[in-house]
């Protein structure tokens, strides 16, 4: 190894292990890592509090003391003829949901979805305000025409049409 190669090697080592003179970049790195760790920890802790449980009407009534006023989703079918608007209001709705012979009164303020009808399957987000009163913040109604299964063809001894391969 000659002197030029040796000097180049020393210069390369100095560059590779050179530390900042004022220490600012180390401090910036440490601060950035602490902020990132705090953000990850914050997201982890808040995600545990954001769980929303899902109950049927019967389950919600059975677990009412346990649930308290916690927010959850409730599922049931709208009782035929139970929907009405509060007097002098266009958007405060009262209706009943039924499931397994258990009924709960629901109060919702806001526009209902177009698919909301008698006997429609509904999922509402809210909380129990009384043993049989659910106050909803959000209501979603399933559209039965889109999800009903079509009747199978060829049932009951119907024959396969001629000219169409099986």
N, C-alpha and C. Protein backbone atom coordinates (compact mmCIF):
# COMPACT_ATOMS: atom_id res chain seq x y z
N UNK A 1 0.86 -1.16 0.00
CA UNK A 1 0.00 0.00 0.00
C UNK A 1 0.92 1.23 0.00
N UNK A 2 0.71 2.13 -0.92
CA UNK A 2 1.53 3.33 -0.97
C UNK A 2 0.89 4.45 -0.14
N UNK A 3 1.52 5.56 -0.06
CA UNK A 3 1.08 6.67 0.81
C UNK A 3 -0.24 7.25 0.34
N UNK A 4 -0.44 7.33 -0.98
CA UNK A 4 -1.70 7.90 -1.50
C UNK A 4 -2.89 7.01 -1.13
N UNK A 5 -2.69 5.69 -1.26
CA UNK A 5 -3.78 4.77 -0.92
C UNK A 5 -4.07 4.83 0.58
N UNK A 6 -2.99 4.92 1.36
CA UNK A 6 -3.17 4.98 2.81
C UNK A 6 -3.90 6.27 3.20
N UNK A 7 -3.53 7.43 2.61
CA UNK A 7 -4.19 8.70 2.90
C UNK A 7 -5.65 8.65 2.46
N UNK A 8 -5.95 8.03 1.34
CA UNK A 8 -7.32 7.92 0.85
C UNK A 8 -8.14 7.06 1.81
N UNK A 9 -7.53 5.99 2.33
CA UNK A 9 -8.22 5.13 3.29
C UNK A 9 -8.53 5.86 4.58
N UNK A 10 -7.60 6.64 5.08
CA UNK A 10 -7.80 7.40 6.32
C UNK A 10 -8.88 8.45 6.09
N UNK A 11 -8.83 9.10 4.94
CA UNK A 11 -9.82 10.13 4.63
C UNK A 11 -11.22 9.51 4.55
N UNK A 12 -11.33 8.31 3.96
CA UNK A 12 -12.62 7.64 3.86
C UNK A 12 -13.13 7.26 5.24
N UNK A 13 -12.24 6.80 6.14
CA UNK A 13 -12.65 6.45 7.50
C UNK A 13 -13.14 7.67 8.25
N UNK A 14 -12.45 8.79 8.10
CA UNK A 14 -12.86 10.02 8.77
C UNK A 14 -14.23 10.46 8.30
N UNK A 15 -14.51 10.33 7.02
CA UNK A 15 -15.81 10.71 6.48
C UNK A 15 -16.89 9.78 7.03
N UNK A 16 -16.61 8.48 7.09
CA UNK A 16 -17.60 7.52 7.54
C UNK A 16 -17.93 7.69 9.02
N UNK A 17 -16.99 8.08 9.84
CA UNK A 17 -17.22 8.18 11.28
C UNK A 17 -17.25 9.63 11.77
N UNK A 18 -17.42 10.54 10.87
CA UNK A 18 -17.42 11.94 11.26
C UNK A 18 -18.69 12.26 12.04
N UNK A 19 -18.59 12.95 13.13
CA UNK A 19 -19.72 13.37 13.94
C UNK A 19 -19.96 14.85 13.72
N UNK A 20 -21.19 15.25 13.83
CA UNK A 20 -21.45 16.69 13.68
C UNK A 20 -20.77 17.48 14.79
N UNK A 21 -20.32 18.65 14.42
CA UNK A 21 -19.59 19.46 15.38
C UNK A 21 -20.50 20.04 16.46
N UNK A 22 -21.72 20.42 16.09
CA UNK A 22 -22.58 21.08 17.07
C UNK A 22 -23.59 20.14 17.73
N UNK A 23 -23.77 18.90 17.26
CA UNK A 23 -24.67 17.93 17.87
C UNK A 23 -26.15 18.16 17.54
N UNK A 24 -26.47 19.09 16.65
CA UNK A 24 -27.87 19.40 16.35
C UNK A 24 -28.58 18.27 15.61
N UNK A 25 -27.87 17.61 14.70
CA UNK A 25 -28.56 16.55 13.95
C UNK A 25 -28.87 15.36 14.85
N UNK A 26 -28.05 15.06 15.84
CA UNK A 26 -28.37 14.00 16.79
C UNK A 26 -29.59 14.36 17.61
N UNK A 27 -29.66 15.59 18.06
CA UNK A 27 -30.80 16.05 18.83
C UNK A 27 -32.08 16.00 17.98
N UNK A 28 -32.00 16.39 16.73
CA UNK A 28 -33.15 16.35 15.83
C UNK A 28 -33.64 14.92 15.64
N UNK A 29 -32.72 14.00 15.49
CA UNK A 29 -33.08 12.59 15.33
C UNK A 29 -33.77 12.05 16.57
N UNK A 30 -33.22 12.36 17.73
CA UNK A 30 -33.81 11.89 18.99
C UNK A 30 -35.21 12.47 19.17
N UNK A 31 -35.37 13.76 18.91
CA UNK A 31 -36.69 14.40 19.04
C UNK A 31 -37.68 13.76 18.07
N UNK A 32 -37.27 13.51 16.85
CA UNK A 32 -38.16 12.89 15.86
C UNK A 32 -38.57 11.48 16.31
N UNK A 33 -37.66 10.73 16.87
CA UNK A 33 -37.98 9.37 17.34
C UNK A 33 -38.95 9.42 18.52
N UNK A 34 -38.76 10.35 19.43
CA UNK A 34 -39.67 10.48 20.59
C UNK A 34 -41.07 10.87 20.12
N UNK A 35 -41.17 11.80 19.18
CA UNK A 35 -42.47 12.20 18.64
C UNK A 35 -43.14 11.02 17.94
N UNK A 36 -42.40 10.27 17.15
CA UNK A 36 -42.96 9.11 16.46
C UNK A 36 -43.44 8.05 17.45
N UNK A 37 -42.67 7.80 18.49
CA UNK A 37 -43.06 6.81 19.50
C UNK A 37 -44.31 7.26 20.24
N UNK A 38 -44.40 8.55 20.55
CA UNK A 38 -45.59 9.09 21.23
C UNK A 38 -46.82 8.96 20.33
N UNK A 39 -46.67 9.21 19.04
CA UNK A 39 -47.80 9.10 18.11
C UNK A 39 -48.28 7.66 18.02
N UNK A 40 -47.38 6.72 17.90
CA UNK A 40 -47.75 5.30 17.82
C UNK A 40 -48.44 4.86 19.11
N UNK A 41 -47.92 5.27 20.25
CA UNK A 41 -48.53 4.92 21.53
C UNK A 41 -49.93 5.53 21.65
N UNK A 42 -50.09 6.76 21.24
CA UNK A 42 -51.40 7.42 21.30
C UNK A 42 -52.43 6.73 20.43
N UNK A 43 -52.05 6.36 19.22
CA UNK A 43 -52.97 5.64 18.33
C UNK A 43 -53.35 4.29 18.92
N UNK A 44 -52.39 3.59 19.49
CA UNK A 44 -52.67 2.28 20.08
C UNK A 44 -53.67 2.40 21.23
N UNK A 45 -53.50 3.38 22.10
CA UNK A 45 -54.41 3.51 23.25
C UNK A 45 -55.79 3.98 22.83
N UNK A 46 -55.89 4.90 21.88
CA UNK A 46 -57.21 5.40 21.48
C UNK A 46 -57.97 4.38 20.65
N UNK A 47 -57.29 3.47 19.98
CA UNK A 47 -58.00 2.47 19.19
C UNK A 47 -58.75 1.48 20.07
N UNK A 48 -58.28 1.25 21.29
CA UNK A 48 -58.99 0.35 22.19
C UNK A 48 -60.29 0.96 22.68
N UNK A 49 -60.36 2.27 22.80
CA UNK A 49 -61.57 2.93 23.27
C UNK A 49 -62.61 3.09 22.18
N UNK A 50 -62.26 2.90 20.93
CA UNK A 50 -63.18 3.16 19.83
C UNK A 50 -63.94 1.93 19.38
N UNK A 51 -63.93 0.86 20.15
CA UNK A 51 -64.67 -0.34 19.77
C UNK A 51 -66.16 -0.07 19.94
N UNK A 52 -66.95 -0.46 18.93
CA UNK A 52 -68.40 -0.33 18.99
C UNK A 52 -68.98 -1.73 18.86
N UNK A 53 -69.73 -2.14 19.88
CA UNK A 53 -70.32 -3.48 19.88
C UNK A 53 -71.59 -3.52 19.05
N UNK A 54 -71.97 -4.72 18.64
CA UNK A 54 -73.14 -4.95 17.79
C UNK A 54 -74.04 -5.96 18.48
N UNK A 55 -75.29 -5.58 18.73
CA UNK A 55 -76.24 -6.46 19.41
C UNK A 55 -77.56 -6.49 18.65
N UNK A 56 -78.27 -7.60 18.77
CA UNK A 56 -79.66 -7.65 18.33
C UNK A 56 -80.49 -7.00 19.42
N UNK A 57 -81.77 -6.77 19.14
CA UNK A 57 -82.65 -6.16 20.14
C UNK A 57 -82.68 -7.02 21.41
N UNK A 58 -82.85 -8.34 21.23
CA UNK A 58 -82.92 -9.25 22.38
C UNK A 58 -81.63 -9.22 23.20
N UNK A 59 -80.47 -9.22 22.53
CA UNK A 59 -79.19 -9.18 23.23
C UNK A 59 -79.01 -7.86 23.97
N UNK A 60 -79.39 -6.75 23.34
CA UNK A 60 -79.23 -5.44 23.97
C UNK A 60 -80.09 -5.33 25.22
N UNK A 61 -81.31 -5.84 25.16
CA UNK A 61 -82.16 -5.78 26.35
C UNK A 61 -81.64 -6.68 27.46
N UNK A 62 -81.11 -7.84 27.10
CA UNK A 62 -80.58 -8.75 28.11
C UNK A 62 -79.32 -8.19 28.77
N UNK A 63 -78.52 -7.44 28.00
CA UNK A 63 -77.26 -6.90 28.53
C UNK A 63 -77.35 -5.43 28.90
N UNK A 64 -78.55 -4.87 28.98
CA UNK A 64 -78.73 -3.44 29.24
C UNK A 64 -77.99 -2.96 30.48
N UNK A 65 -78.05 -3.65 31.63
CA UNK A 65 -77.31 -3.16 32.80
C UNK A 65 -75.80 -3.14 32.57
N UNK A 66 -75.32 -4.12 31.85
CA UNK A 66 -73.89 -4.24 31.55
C UNK A 66 -73.43 -3.17 30.56
N UNK A 67 -74.29 -2.87 29.57
CA UNK A 67 -73.95 -1.89 28.53
C UNK A 67 -73.97 -0.47 29.07
N UNK A 68 -74.93 -0.18 29.93
CA UNK A 68 -75.07 1.18 30.46
C UNK A 68 -75.40 2.15 29.35
N UNK A 69 -74.71 3.28 29.32
CA UNK A 69 -74.96 4.27 28.26
C UNK A 69 -73.84 4.27 27.22
N UNK A 70 -73.12 3.14 27.11
CA UNK A 70 -72.09 3.01 26.08
C UNK A 70 -72.72 2.98 24.70
N UNK A 71 -71.98 3.46 23.72
CA UNK A 71 -72.45 3.47 22.34
C UNK A 71 -72.29 2.08 21.74
N UNK A 72 -73.30 1.63 20.97
CA UNK A 72 -73.25 0.35 20.28
C UNK A 72 -74.20 0.37 19.10
N UNK A 73 -74.13 -0.66 18.28
CA UNK A 73 -75.05 -0.82 17.14
C UNK A 73 -76.11 -1.85 17.53
N UNK A 74 -77.35 -1.57 17.12
CA UNK A 74 -78.45 -2.49 17.40
C UNK A 74 -79.13 -2.84 16.08
N UNK A 75 -79.50 -4.11 15.95
CA UNK A 75 -80.10 -4.59 14.70
C UNK A 75 -81.48 -5.17 14.99
N UNK A 76 -82.42 -4.85 14.12
CA UNK A 76 -83.76 -5.41 14.23
C UNK A 76 -84.58 -5.02 13.01
N UNK A 77 -85.83 -5.44 12.99
CA UNK A 77 -86.73 -5.09 11.90
C UNK A 77 -87.73 -4.05 12.38
N UNK A 78 -88.08 -3.10 11.51
CA UNK A 78 -89.02 -2.05 11.86
C UNK A 78 -90.41 -2.67 12.03
N UNK A 79 -91.04 -2.38 13.17
CA UNK A 79 -92.40 -2.88 13.42
C UNK A 79 -93.36 -2.14 12.50
N UNK A 80 -94.20 -2.90 11.82
CA UNK A 80 -95.16 -2.32 10.87
C UNK A 80 -96.04 -1.30 11.58
N UNK A 81 -96.12 -0.10 11.00
CA UNK A 81 -96.98 0.97 11.52
C UNK A 81 -96.43 1.71 12.72
N UNK A 82 -95.19 1.43 13.13
CA UNK A 82 -94.66 2.07 14.34
C UNK A 82 -93.95 3.40 14.06
N UNK A 83 -93.65 3.71 12.81
CA UNK A 83 -92.88 4.92 12.50
C UNK A 83 -93.78 6.15 12.46
N UNK A 84 -93.36 7.18 13.19
CA UNK A 84 -94.05 8.46 13.11
C UNK A 84 -93.05 9.57 13.41
N UNK A 85 -93.42 10.79 12.96
CA UNK A 85 -92.58 11.96 13.21
C UNK A 85 -93.11 12.71 14.42
N UNK A 86 -92.21 13.31 15.17
CA UNK A 86 -92.62 14.13 16.30
C UNK A 86 -93.39 15.34 15.77
N UNK A 87 -94.43 15.74 16.49
CA UNK A 87 -95.24 16.89 16.06
C UNK A 87 -94.36 18.11 15.88
N UNK A 88 -94.68 18.89 14.86
CA UNK A 88 -93.98 20.13 14.53
C UNK A 88 -92.50 19.90 14.20
N UNK A 89 -92.18 18.72 13.72
CA UNK A 89 -90.81 18.41 13.34
C UNK A 89 -90.81 17.58 12.07
N UNK A 90 -89.83 17.79 11.24
CA UNK A 90 -89.71 17.00 10.02
C UNK A 90 -88.60 15.97 10.10
N UNK A 91 -87.83 15.99 11.16
CA UNK A 91 -86.71 15.06 11.19
C UNK A 91 -86.45 14.39 12.54
N UNK A 92 -87.43 14.38 13.44
CA UNK A 92 -87.29 13.62 14.68
C UNK A 92 -88.22 12.42 14.56
N UNK A 93 -87.60 11.26 14.32
CA UNK A 93 -88.34 10.03 14.02
C UNK A 93 -88.45 9.14 15.26
N UNK A 94 -89.61 8.52 15.40
CA UNK A 94 -89.84 7.50 16.43
C UNK A 94 -90.28 6.24 15.70
N UNK A 95 -89.68 5.11 16.03
CA UNK A 95 -90.10 3.84 15.47
C UNK A 95 -89.66 2.73 16.41
N UNK A 96 -90.15 1.54 16.16
CA UNK A 96 -89.81 0.39 16.99
C UNK A 96 -89.05 -0.63 16.17
N UNK A 97 -88.09 -1.29 16.82
CA UNK A 97 -87.38 -2.41 16.22
C UNK A 97 -87.75 -3.67 16.98
N UNK A 98 -87.90 -4.78 16.26
CA UNK A 98 -88.26 -6.05 16.88
C UNK A 98 -87.25 -7.11 16.45
N UNK A 99 -86.99 -8.02 17.39
CA UNK A 99 -86.13 -9.17 17.12
C UNK A 99 -86.44 -10.21 18.17
N UNK A 100 -86.78 -11.41 17.75
CA UNK A 100 -87.06 -12.52 18.67
C UNK A 100 -88.09 -12.12 19.72
N UNK A 101 -89.16 -11.49 19.29
CA UNK A 101 -90.27 -11.06 20.16
C UNK A 101 -89.89 -10.00 21.18
N UNK A 102 -88.72 -9.40 21.04
CA UNK A 102 -88.31 -8.29 21.91
C UNK A 102 -88.41 -7.01 21.09
N UNK A 103 -88.96 -5.97 21.71
CA UNK A 103 -89.19 -4.71 21.00
C UNK A 103 -88.50 -3.59 21.76
N UNK A 104 -87.90 -2.66 21.01
CA UNK A 104 -87.28 -1.47 21.59
C UNK A 104 -87.75 -0.25 20.79
N UNK A 105 -88.04 0.83 21.51
CA UNK A 105 -88.41 2.11 20.89
C UNK A 105 -87.13 2.82 20.48
N UNK A 106 -87.12 3.40 19.28
CA UNK A 106 -85.93 4.11 18.78
C UNK A 106 -86.32 5.54 18.47
N UNK A 107 -85.48 6.48 18.87
CA UNK A 107 -85.65 7.89 18.54
C UNK A 107 -84.42 8.30 17.73
N UNK A 108 -84.67 8.95 16.59
CA UNK A 108 -83.58 9.34 15.71
C UNK A 108 -83.86 10.72 15.15
N UNK A 109 -82.88 11.61 15.21
CA UNK A 109 -83.02 12.95 14.64
C UNK A 109 -82.14 13.05 13.41
N UNK A 110 -82.78 13.26 12.26
CA UNK A 110 -82.07 13.37 11.00
C UNK A 110 -82.85 12.68 9.90
N UNK A 111 -82.36 12.77 8.69
CA UNK A 111 -83.07 12.12 7.58
C UNK A 111 -82.86 10.61 7.61
N UNK A 112 -83.93 9.88 7.37
CA UNK A 112 -83.83 8.42 7.28
C UNK A 112 -83.45 8.03 5.86
N UNK A 113 -82.80 6.89 5.69
CA UNK A 113 -82.46 6.45 4.33
C UNK A 113 -83.71 6.12 3.52
N UNK A 114 -83.60 6.19 2.21
CA UNK A 114 -84.74 5.90 1.32
C UNK A 114 -85.24 4.47 1.49
N UNK A 115 -84.38 3.58 1.89
CA UNK A 115 -84.75 2.16 2.02
C UNK A 115 -85.45 1.86 3.34
N UNK A 116 -85.65 2.87 4.19
CA UNK A 116 -86.33 2.67 5.47
C UNK A 116 -87.82 2.51 5.22
N UNK A 117 -88.36 1.32 5.50
CA UNK A 117 -89.79 1.03 5.35
C UNK A 117 -90.23 0.12 6.49
N UNK A 118 -91.54 -0.12 6.56
CA UNK A 118 -92.04 -1.10 7.53
C UNK A 118 -91.39 -2.45 7.26
N UNK A 119 -91.02 -3.13 8.31
CA UNK A 119 -90.42 -4.46 8.29
C UNK A 119 -89.02 -4.51 7.68
N UNK A 120 -88.43 -3.35 7.38
CA UNK A 120 -87.06 -3.33 6.84
C UNK A 120 -86.07 -3.69 7.94
N UNK A 121 -85.00 -4.36 7.57
CA UNK A 121 -83.94 -4.66 8.51
C UNK A 121 -83.11 -3.39 8.71
N UNK A 122 -82.93 -3.00 9.97
CA UNK A 122 -82.26 -1.74 10.29
C UNK A 122 -81.13 -1.98 11.27
N UNK A 123 -80.03 -1.26 11.08
CA UNK A 123 -78.93 -1.22 12.04
C UNK A 123 -78.78 0.24 12.45
N UNK A 124 -78.86 0.50 13.77
CA UNK A 124 -78.77 1.86 14.28
C UNK A 124 -77.59 1.95 15.25
N UNK A 125 -76.90 3.09 15.20
CA UNK A 125 -75.78 3.36 16.10
C UNK A 125 -76.25 4.37 17.13
N UNK A 126 -76.05 4.07 18.42
CA UNK A 126 -76.46 5.00 19.46
C UNK A 126 -76.27 4.39 20.83
N UNK A 127 -77.18 4.74 21.77
CA UNK A 127 -77.08 4.23 23.15
C UNK A 127 -78.47 4.08 23.75
N UNK A 128 -78.55 3.28 24.80
CA UNK A 128 -79.81 3.08 25.51
C UNK A 128 -79.99 4.26 26.48
N UNK A 129 -81.12 4.95 26.37
CA UNK A 129 -81.41 6.07 27.26
C UNK A 129 -82.31 5.60 28.41
N UNK A 130 -83.00 4.49 28.20
CA UNK A 130 -83.88 3.88 29.21
C UNK A 130 -83.94 2.39 28.86
N UNK A 131 -84.52 1.56 29.73
CA UNK A 131 -84.54 0.12 29.45
C UNK A 131 -85.08 -0.27 28.07
N UNK A 132 -86.08 0.44 27.57
CA UNK A 132 -86.65 0.11 26.26
C UNK A 132 -86.60 1.28 25.29
N UNK A 133 -85.64 2.20 25.48
CA UNK A 133 -85.52 3.38 24.60
C UNK A 133 -84.09 3.51 24.11
N UNK A 134 -83.94 3.43 22.79
CA UNK A 134 -82.63 3.55 22.15
C UNK A 134 -82.58 4.88 21.41
N UNK A 135 -81.59 5.70 21.69
CA UNK A 135 -81.41 6.98 21.01
C UNK A 135 -80.33 6.78 19.95
N UNK A 136 -80.73 6.91 18.69
CA UNK A 136 -79.83 6.63 17.57
C UNK A 136 -79.19 7.90 17.04
N UNK A 137 -77.93 7.79 16.66
CA UNK A 137 -77.21 8.87 16.00
C UNK A 137 -77.09 8.61 14.51
N UNK A 138 -77.26 7.35 14.13
CA UNK A 138 -77.13 6.94 12.73
C UNK A 138 -78.05 5.75 12.50
N UNK A 139 -78.72 5.75 11.35
CA UNK A 139 -79.62 4.64 10.99
C UNK A 139 -79.30 4.19 9.58
N UNK A 140 -79.13 2.88 9.41
CA UNK A 140 -78.88 2.30 8.09
C UNK A 140 -79.93 1.21 7.87
N UNK A 141 -80.60 1.26 6.71
CA UNK A 141 -81.63 0.26 6.41
C UNK A 141 -81.19 -0.56 5.21
N UNK A 142 -81.39 -1.86 5.33
CA UNK A 142 -81.04 -2.79 4.25
C UNK A 142 -82.15 -2.75 3.20
N UNK A 143 -81.78 -2.81 1.96
CA UNK A 143 -82.74 -2.83 0.87
C UNK A 143 -83.09 -4.28 0.57
N UNK A 144 -84.29 -4.74 0.93
CA UNK A 144 -84.61 -6.15 0.76
C UNK A 144 -84.62 -6.61 -0.68
N UNK A 145 -84.99 -5.75 -1.63
CA UNK A 145 -85.07 -6.19 -3.01
C UNK A 145 -83.71 -6.57 -3.58
N UNK A 146 -82.64 -5.99 -3.08
CA UNK A 146 -81.30 -6.28 -3.59
C UNK A 146 -80.72 -7.55 -3.00
N UNK A 147 -81.19 -7.97 -1.86
CA UNK A 147 -80.57 -9.08 -1.17
C UNK A 147 -81.42 -10.34 -1.13
N UNK A 148 -82.69 -10.25 -1.52
CA UNK A 148 -83.52 -11.44 -1.52
C UNK A 148 -83.03 -12.41 -2.58
N UNK A 149 -83.01 -13.68 -2.23
CA UNK A 149 -82.58 -14.70 -3.19
C UNK A 149 -83.69 -14.93 -4.20
N UNK A 150 -83.31 -15.11 -5.46
CA UNK A 150 -84.29 -15.41 -6.50
C UNK A 150 -84.69 -16.87 -6.39
N UNK A 151 -85.94 -17.14 -6.73
CA UNK A 151 -86.42 -18.52 -6.67
C UNK A 151 -85.67 -19.35 -7.71
N UNK A 152 -85.22 -20.54 -7.32
CA UNK A 152 -84.51 -21.38 -8.28
C UNK A 152 -85.45 -21.88 -9.37
N UNK A 153 -84.92 -22.01 -10.57
CA UNK A 153 -85.74 -22.52 -11.68
C UNK A 153 -85.58 -24.03 -11.77
N UNK A 154 -86.55 -24.67 -12.37
CA UNK A 154 -86.47 -26.12 -12.55
C UNK A 154 -86.85 -26.90 -11.32
N UNK A 155 -87.49 -26.27 -10.36
CA UNK A 155 -87.89 -26.95 -9.13
C UNK A 155 -89.27 -27.56 -9.32
N UNK A 156 -89.49 -28.70 -8.73
CA UNK A 156 -90.82 -29.31 -8.76
C UNK A 156 -91.10 -30.07 -10.04
N UNK A 157 -90.09 -30.62 -10.66
CA UNK A 157 -90.31 -31.47 -11.84
C UNK A 157 -90.32 -30.70 -13.15
N UNK A 158 -89.99 -29.43 -13.17
CA UNK A 158 -89.95 -28.70 -14.43
C UNK A 158 -88.85 -29.28 -15.30
N UNK A 159 -89.13 -29.33 -16.60
CA UNK A 159 -88.18 -29.94 -17.52
C UNK A 159 -87.27 -28.88 -18.13
N UNK A 160 -86.09 -29.34 -18.52
CA UNK A 160 -85.12 -28.46 -19.15
C UNK A 160 -85.63 -28.10 -20.53
N UNK A 161 -85.57 -26.81 -20.92
CA UNK A 161 -86.06 -26.42 -22.24
C UNK A 161 -85.24 -27.07 -23.38
N UNK A 162 -85.93 -27.34 -24.47
CA UNK A 162 -85.27 -27.94 -25.62
C UNK A 162 -84.39 -26.92 -26.31
N UNK A 163 -83.34 -27.39 -26.94
CA UNK A 163 -82.46 -26.53 -27.71
C UNK A 163 -81.40 -25.83 -26.88
N UNK A 164 -81.43 -26.00 -25.58
CA UNK A 164 -80.43 -25.36 -24.71
C UNK A 164 -79.61 -26.48 -24.08
N UNK A 165 -78.29 -26.47 -24.33
CA UNK A 165 -77.47 -27.54 -23.76
C UNK A 165 -77.43 -27.47 -22.25
N UNK A 166 -77.32 -28.65 -21.66
CA UNK A 166 -77.26 -28.72 -20.19
C UNK A 166 -75.86 -28.52 -19.72
